[in-house]
N, C-alpha and C. Protein backbone atom coordinates (compact mmCIF):
# COMPACT_ATOMS: atom_id res chain seq x y z
N MET A 1 93.81 83.10 53.22
CA MET A 1 95.02 83.38 53.76
C MET A 1 95.03 84.35 55.42
N ILE A 2 95.32 83.48 56.14
CA ILE A 2 94.87 83.83 57.46
C ILE A 2 95.75 85.22 57.96
N ARG A 3 94.68 85.94 58.44
CA ARG A 3 94.62 87.45 59.29
C ARG A 3 95.01 87.61 60.68
N ILE A 4 96.01 88.35 60.35
CA ILE A 4 96.61 88.77 62.18
C ILE A 4 96.52 90.05 62.30
N SER A 5 96.00 90.25 63.61
CA SER A 5 95.87 91.69 63.93
C SER A 5 97.34 92.13 64.42
N ARG A 6 97.63 93.42 64.57
CA ARG A 6 99.00 93.92 64.87
C ARG A 6 98.66 93.41 66.36
N ARG A 7 97.32 93.71 67.27
CA ARG A 7 97.59 93.30 68.75
C ARG A 7 98.12 91.61 69.19
N GLN A 8 97.39 90.75 68.18
CA GLN A 8 98.00 89.70 68.27
C GLN A 8 99.30 89.12 67.64
N PHE A 9 99.89 90.04 66.56
CA PHE A 9 101.52 90.14 66.20
C PHE A 9 102.48 90.35 67.29
N ILE A 10 101.52 91.22 67.88
CA ILE A 10 102.62 91.74 69.38
C ILE A 10 102.97 91.06 70.42
N GLU A 11 101.51 90.26 70.51
CA GLU A 11 101.26 89.44 71.76
C GLU A 11 102.41 88.30 71.23
N LYS A 12 102.36 87.42 70.55
CA LYS A 12 103.23 86.57 70.30
C LYS A 12 104.45 86.79 70.10
N ALA A 13 105.00 87.57 69.36
CA ALA A 13 106.19 88.13 69.61
C ALA A 13 106.56 88.76 71.06
N MET A 14 106.11 89.32 71.86
CA MET A 14 106.41 89.55 73.46
C MET A 14 106.64 88.07 73.90
N ILE A 15 105.83 87.20 73.87
CA ILE A 15 105.94 85.76 74.48
C ILE A 15 106.98 84.98 73.67
N THR A 16 107.25 85.35 72.39
CA THR A 16 108.39 84.32 71.87
C THR A 16 109.60 84.81 72.26
N GLY A 17 109.71 86.59 72.58
CA GLY A 17 110.91 87.48 73.18
C GLY A 17 110.95 86.67 74.52
N ALA A 18 110.05 86.17 75.56
CA ALA A 18 110.29 86.28 76.86
C ALA A 18 110.56 84.50 77.19
N THR A 19 110.19 83.79 75.87
CA THR A 19 110.53 82.50 75.70
C THR A 19 112.15 81.97 75.42
N LEU A 20 112.84 83.39 74.50
CA LEU A 20 113.96 82.79 73.92
C LEU A 20 114.60 83.28 75.52
N THR A 21 114.22 84.45 75.80
CA THR A 21 115.32 84.59 77.21
C THR A 21 115.39 84.05 78.44
N ALA A 22 114.32 83.40 78.40
CA ALA A 22 114.56 82.60 79.49
C ALA A 22 114.82 81.03 78.88
N PHE A 23 115.02 80.78 77.90
CA PHE A 23 115.24 79.36 77.68
C PHE A 23 116.99 78.81 78.12
N PRO A 24 117.84 79.70 78.35
CA PRO A 24 118.99 79.58 78.44
C PRO A 24 119.30 79.01 79.98
N THR A 25 118.56 79.68 80.79
CA THR A 25 118.19 79.31 81.79
C THR A 25 117.87 77.94 82.59
N ILE A 26 116.49 77.40 81.72
CA ILE A 26 116.70 76.34 81.72
C ILE A 26 117.86 75.00 81.70
N LEU A 27 118.78 75.20 80.59
CA LEU A 27 119.59 74.80 80.05
C LEU A 27 120.97 74.76 80.82
N VAL A 28 121.38 75.59 80.98
CA VAL A 28 122.57 75.68 81.95
C VAL A 28 122.68 75.25 83.24
N PRO A 29 123.34 74.61 83.69
CA PRO A 29 123.96 74.38 85.32
C PRO A 29 123.73 75.24 85.89
N LYS A 30 122.92 75.09 86.99
CA LYS A 30 123.07 76.63 87.89
C LYS A 30 124.48 76.00 89.00
N ALA A 31 125.47 74.95 89.29
CA ALA A 31 126.43 75.22 90.18
C ALA A 31 127.81 75.23 89.05
N ARG A 32 128.20 76.17 89.69
CA ARG A 32 129.59 76.60 88.62
C ARG A 32 130.49 75.75 89.32
N ALA A 33 130.18 74.60 90.37
CA ALA A 33 131.64 73.60 90.26
C ALA A 33 131.40 72.69 88.76
N LEU A 34 130.64 72.57 88.27
CA LEU A 34 130.64 71.45 87.05
C LEU A 34 131.81 72.62 86.15
N TRP A 35 131.77 74.03 86.39
CA TRP A 35 132.58 74.44 85.13
C TRP A 35 134.07 74.98 85.43
N ALA A 36 134.37 74.00 87.04
CA ALA A 36 136.01 74.57 87.46
C ALA A 36 136.60 73.33 87.19
N ARG A 37 135.99 72.57 87.19
CA ARG A 37 136.80 71.10 86.35
C ARG A 37 137.56 71.45 85.27
N LYS A 38 136.69 71.93 84.34
CA LYS A 38 137.07 71.99 82.85
C LYS A 38 138.09 73.52 82.44
N THR A 39 138.21 74.43 83.81
CA THR A 39 139.10 75.69 83.76
C THR A 39 140.39 74.91 83.81
N VAL A 40 141.06 75.56 82.80
CA VAL A 40 142.94 75.18 83.36
C VAL A 40 143.48 76.74 83.32
N VAL A 41 143.97 76.86 84.40
CA VAL A 41 144.53 78.02 85.06
C VAL A 41 145.74 77.73 84.06
N HIS A 42 146.55 77.64 84.09
CA HIS A 42 147.94 77.25 83.09
C HIS A 42 148.46 76.06 82.50
N PRO A 43 148.65 76.24 81.38
CA PRO A 43 148.64 75.04 80.03
C PRO A 43 150.04 74.18 80.97
N HIS A 44 150.81 74.25 81.39
CA HIS A 44 152.49 74.02 82.10
C HIS A 44 151.92 73.50 83.79
N ILE A 45 150.91 73.73 84.06
CA ILE A 45 151.18 73.91 85.61
C ILE A 45 149.61 72.75 86.21
N ASN A 46 149.51 71.50 86.55
CA ASN A 46 148.66 71.13 87.32
C ASN A 46 147.33 71.76 87.74
N ASN A 47 146.02 71.56 87.97
CA ASN A 47 145.26 73.07 88.44
C ASN A 47 145.38 72.16 89.70
N LEU A 48 145.80 71.31 90.90
CA LEU A 48 146.08 71.00 91.74
C LEU A 48 146.92 71.36 92.17
N ARG A 49 147.97 72.49 92.00
CA ARG A 49 149.26 72.93 92.28
C ARG A 49 148.38 74.45 92.52
N VAL A 50 147.99 74.77 91.82
CA VAL A 50 147.23 76.52 91.56
C VAL A 50 146.85 76.87 93.32
N VAL A 51 147.44 77.92 93.40
CA VAL A 51 146.88 78.65 94.78
C VAL A 51 146.37 80.42 94.28
N GLY A 52 145.88 80.58 94.95
CA GLY A 52 145.27 82.31 94.40
C GLY A 52 146.14 83.37 95.57
N ILE A 53 146.38 84.21 95.43
CA ILE A 53 147.34 85.21 96.17
C ILE A 53 146.76 86.54 95.19
N THR A 54 146.72 87.34 96.05
CA THR A 54 147.05 88.51 95.35
C THR A 54 148.06 89.64 96.01
N ASP A 55 148.84 89.89 95.42
CA ASP A 55 150.12 90.83 96.13
C ASP A 55 150.55 92.07 94.93
N THR A 56 150.08 93.17 94.77
CA THR A 56 150.53 94.04 94.02
C THR A 56 151.93 93.93 93.89
N ARG A 57 152.90 93.77 94.31
CA ARG A 57 154.39 93.77 94.64
C ARG A 57 154.85 93.04 93.82
N MET A 58 154.11 91.10 93.29
CA MET A 58 154.58 90.54 92.25
C MET A 58 154.45 90.61 91.01
N ALA A 59 153.94 91.57 90.69
CA ALA A 59 153.68 92.01 88.81
C ALA A 59 154.23 93.41 88.69
N ARG A 60 155.19 93.48 87.57
CA ARG A 60 155.75 94.94 87.65
C ARG A 60 154.41 95.45 87.05
N ALA A 61 153.65 94.68 85.91
CA ALA A 61 152.51 96.16 85.88
C ALA A 61 150.97 95.29 85.49
N ASN A 62 150.11 95.84 85.69
CA ASN A 62 149.06 95.58 85.49
C ASN A 62 148.58 95.19 84.19
N GLU A 63 147.77 94.22 83.22
CA GLU A 63 147.55 94.12 81.74
C GLU A 63 146.49 93.53 82.24
N PRO A 64 145.71 92.98 82.53
CA PRO A 64 144.28 92.24 82.65
C PRO A 64 144.36 91.08 81.15
N VAL A 65 144.41 91.89 79.56
CA VAL A 65 144.38 90.68 78.89
C VAL A 65 145.61 90.78 78.56
N SER A 66 146.44 89.87 78.16
CA SER A 66 147.30 89.56 77.84
C SER A 66 148.35 87.85 77.73
N SER A 67 149.13 87.03 77.10
CA SER A 67 149.34 85.95 76.61
C SER A 67 149.90 85.57 78.02
N TRP A 68 150.52 84.46 78.09
CA TRP A 68 151.07 83.98 78.92
C TRP A 68 152.40 84.15 79.21
N ALA A 69 153.21 84.32 78.09
CA ALA A 69 154.22 84.48 77.67
C ALA A 69 154.56 85.86 78.62
N ARG A 70 153.49 86.87 78.29
CA ARG A 70 153.87 88.49 78.88
C ARG A 70 154.03 88.36 80.16
N GLN A 71 152.69 87.48 80.49
CA GLN A 71 152.37 87.27 81.94
C GLN A 71 153.63 86.94 82.86
N ASP A 72 154.26 86.12 81.99
CA ASP A 72 155.31 85.48 82.38
C ASP A 72 156.72 87.14 82.44
N GLN A 73 156.90 87.46 81.69
CA GLN A 73 157.83 88.67 81.59
C GLN A 73 157.55 89.99 82.59
N LEU A 74 156.00 90.14 83.04
CA LEU A 74 155.78 90.61 83.93
C LEU A 74 155.70 90.55 85.66
N VAL A 75 156.41 88.93 86.13
CA VAL A 75 156.30 88.78 87.13
C VAL A 75 157.74 89.12 88.13
N VAL A 76 157.83 89.49 89.11
CA VAL A 76 158.80 89.65 89.60
C VAL A 76 159.67 88.72 90.55
N PRO A 77 159.96 88.15 90.21
CA PRO A 77 160.84 86.69 90.89
C PRO A 77 161.43 86.76 92.36
N GLU A 78 161.73 87.91 92.59
CA GLU A 78 162.24 87.92 94.09
C GLU A 78 161.14 87.86 95.02
N VAL A 79 159.87 88.45 94.28
CA VAL A 79 158.90 88.54 95.70
C VAL A 79 158.17 87.29 95.77
N VAL A 80 158.16 86.60 94.39
CA VAL A 80 157.29 85.68 94.07
C VAL A 80 158.06 84.17 94.46
């Protein structure tokens, strides 16, 4: 049977943890432009027709997590 000391175990555990922590940075591409092509802003609107505008009068309430139907209900049509 191979005997391993506590010091060797802790050393190998730290090296393994550091390797597993650094591993995703090697595989994940750095450029966010690669992710942008896959992003769908709205299922019924072409991404080439989307413009980002911030105006607090455009919505009746601020709900960060909501469905598309709920977001459509919150829109103030006069301002948009």
